[in-house]
Amino acid sequence: LQFEVGAQSSSYEHFVVLCSVRCSKMASQLENLR
């Protein structure tokens, strides 16, 4: 049970990292358009 919770938390952290990276890329692209 504890292992499953750890896997869920790690996948959640990975999801957050992907979102932050994607947001930063989109922000840089918007800055390039200006």
C-alpha atoms as a PDB file:
ATOM      1  CA  LEU A   1       0.000   0.000   0.000  1.00  0.00           C
ATOM      2  CA  GLN A   2       2.802   2.420   0.911  1.00  0.00           C
ATOM      3  CA  PHE A   3       4.587   1.600  -2.343  1.00  0.00           C
ATOM      4  CA  GLU A   4       1.459   2.429  -4.349  1.00  0.00           C
ATOM      5  CA  VAL A   5       1.139   5.782  -2.593  1.00  0.00           C
ATOM      6  CA  GLY A   6       4.800   6.524  -3.322  1.00  0.00           C
ATOM      7  CA  ALA A   7       4.341   5.669  -7.007  1.00  0.00           C
ATOM      8  CA  GLN A   8       1.310   7.967  -7.226  1.00  0.00           C
ATOM      9  CA  SER A   9       3.180  10.850  -5.583  1.00  0.00           C
ATOM     10  CA  SER A  10       6.201  10.378  -7.873  1.00  0.00           C
ATOM     11  CA  SER A  11       3.984  10.300 -10.978  1.00  0.00           C
ATOM     12  CA  TYR A  12       2.223  13.439  -9.711  1.00  0.00           C
ATOM     13  CA  GLU A  13       5.582  15.198  -9.288  1.00  0.00           C
ATOM     14  CA  HIS A  14       6.575  14.086 -12.803  1.00  0.00           C
ATOM     15  CA  PHE A  15       3.268  15.474 -14.132  1.00  0.00           C
ATOM     16  CA  VAL A  16       3.886  18.813 -12.381  1.00  0.00           C
ATOM     17  CA  VAL A  17       7.415  19.001 -13.814  1.00  0.00           C
ATOM     18  CA  LEU A  18       6.133  18.350 -17.346  1.00  0.00           C
ATOM     19  CA  CYS A  19       3.477  21.069 -16.942  1.00  0.00           C
ATOM     20  CA  SER A  20       6.000  23.597 -15.624  1.00  0.00           C
ATOM     21  CA  VAL A  21       8.424  22.857 -18.475  1.00  0.00           C
ATOM     22  CA  ARG A  22       5.625  23.148 -21.055  1.00  0.00           C
ATOM     23  CA  CYS A  23       4.439  26.426 -19.510  1.00  0.00           C
ATOM     24  CA  SER A  24       7.978  27.841 -19.557  1.00  0.00           C
ATOM     25  CA  LYS A  25       8.371  26.837 -23.219  1.00  0.00           C
ATOM     26  CA  MET A  26       5.065  28.480 -24.128  1.00  0.00           C
ATOM     27  CA  ALA A  27       6.071  31.630 -22.226  1.00  0.00           C
ATOM     28  CA  SER A  28       9.402  31.803 -24.072  1.00  0.00           C
ATOM     29  CA  GLN A  29       7.595  31.365 -27.410  1.00  0.00           C
ATOM     30  CA  LEU A  30       5.199  34.211 -26.535  1.00  0.00           C
ATOM     31  CA  GLU A  31       8.182  36.411 -25.649  1.00  0.00           C
ATOM     32  CA  ASN A  32       9.724  35.591 -29.045  1.00  0.00           C
ATOM     33  CA  LEU A  33       6.503  36.628 -30.803  1.00  0.00           C
ATOM     34  CA  ARG A  34       6.620  40.092 -29.221  1.00  0.00           C
END
